[in-house]
């Protein structure tokens, strides 16, 4: 779904978001962008998450770091200026 389609369907998307707490936008990112997102997510989880306070990192199983499910207060973490703002 491109930005024109998102605008065209904004009311339906807003309704879905209010109902479910998220929306799915198939095709919004191409495969190269998804690869970049996944690579940066993996780097962030490996390099940044371990230094975050325990009160801001939630796991399904606290003893298994591969069960990461939620992060809090990401706005407090300094992240360098993105080179591709669309991928934020």
Protein backbone atom coordinates (compact mmCIF):
# COMPACT_ATOMS: atom_id res chain seq x y z
CA UNK A 1 0.00 0.00 0.00
CA UNK A 2 1.54 3.30 -1.08
CA UNK A 3 1.00 6.70 0.54
CA UNK A 4 -1.73 7.65 -1.95
CA UNK A 5 -3.67 4.49 -1.09
CA UNK A 6 -3.15 5.11 2.63
CA UNK A 7 -4.63 8.59 2.27
CA UNK A 8 -7.55 7.22 0.24
CA UNK A 9 -8.30 4.62 2.93
CA UNK A 10 -7.38 6.73 5.98
CA UNK A 11 -10.79 6.54 7.65
CA UNK A 12 -10.91 2.75 7.33
CA UNK A 13 -7.32 2.48 8.58
CA UNK A 14 -8.09 4.76 11.52
CA UNK A 15 -11.12 2.62 12.38
CA UNK A 16 -8.98 -0.55 12.20
CA UNK A 17 -6.32 1.06 14.38
CA UNK A 18 -8.87 2.14 16.98
CA UNK A 19 -10.37 -1.34 16.95
CA UNK A 20 -7.19 -3.46 16.95
CA UNK A 21 -4.41 -1.10 18.09
CA UNK A 22 -2.49 -1.57 14.82
CA UNK A 23 -2.97 -1.64 11.05
CA UNK A 24 -1.36 -3.80 8.40
CA UNK A 25 -0.03 -2.08 5.27
CA UNK A 26 0.96 -4.88 2.87
CA UNK A 27 3.52 -3.77 0.32
CA UNK A 28 4.36 -0.51 2.11
CA UNK A 29 8.04 -1.52 2.29
CA UNK A 30 9.82 -3.34 -0.52
CA UNK A 31 12.00 -6.39 0.18
CA UNK A 32 15.24 -4.37 0.38
CA UNK A 33 13.69 -2.00 2.91
CA UNK A 34 12.39 -4.93 4.98
CA UNK A 35 15.87 -6.48 4.97
CA UNK A 36 17.34 -3.18 6.20
CA UNK A 37 14.68 -2.88 8.91
CA UNK A 38 15.28 -6.44 10.14
CA UNK A 39 19.06 -5.97 10.12
CA UNK A 40 18.80 -2.78 12.17
CA UNK A 41 16.27 -4.33 14.56
CA UNK A 42 18.62 -7.27 15.15
CA UNK A 43 21.55 -4.89 15.72
CA UNK A 44 19.49 -2.82 18.15
CA UNK A 45 18.41 -5.90 20.12
CA UNK A 46 22.00 -7.18 20.25
CA UNK A 47 23.81 -3.89 20.99
CA UNK A 48 21.35 -1.58 22.76
CA UNK A 49 18.73 -3.65 24.57
CA UNK A 50 21.24 -5.31 26.96
CA UNK A 51 22.21 -1.86 28.31
CA UNK A 52 18.60 -0.78 28.90
CA UNK A 53 17.16 -0.81 32.46
CA UNK A 54 15.31 -4.04 33.34
CA UNK A 55 12.18 -1.99 34.00
CA UNK A 56 12.03 -1.02 30.33
CA UNK A 57 12.57 -4.43 28.69
CA UNK A 58 9.92 -7.15 28.82
CA UNK A 59 10.27 -10.81 27.88
CA UNK A 60 7.73 -13.63 27.75
CA UNK A 61 10.32 -15.58 29.77
CA UNK A 62 12.76 -13.38 31.72
CA UNK A 63 15.35 -16.17 31.60
CA UNK A 64 15.21 -16.43 27.80
CA UNK A 65 16.39 -13.26 26.03
CA UNK A 66 15.08 -14.59 22.71
CA UNK A 67 11.52 -14.02 23.99
CA UNK A 68 11.75 -10.20 23.85
CA UNK A 69 8.23 -8.81 23.48
CA UNK A 70 8.20 -5.15 24.50
CA UNK A 71 10.46 -2.12 25.05
CA UNK A 72 9.55 1.03 26.96
CA UNK A 73 10.84 4.62 26.78
CA UNK A 74 12.65 4.28 23.47
CA UNK A 75 12.45 8.05 23.13
CA UNK A 76 15.04 8.30 25.91
CA UNK A 77 17.60 6.35 23.88
CA UNK A 78 19.86 8.41 21.65
CA UNK A 79 19.59 7.16 18.09
CA UNK A 80 21.64 8.86 15.40
CA UNK A 81 19.89 10.73 12.61
CA UNK A 82 18.42 8.20 10.19
CA UNK A 83 19.81 8.11 6.68
CA UNK A 84 16.43 6.91 5.40
CA UNK A 85 13.68 8.57 7.49
CA UNK A 86 10.95 6.46 5.83
CA UNK A 87 12.36 3.40 7.63
CA UNK A 88 11.72 4.72 11.13
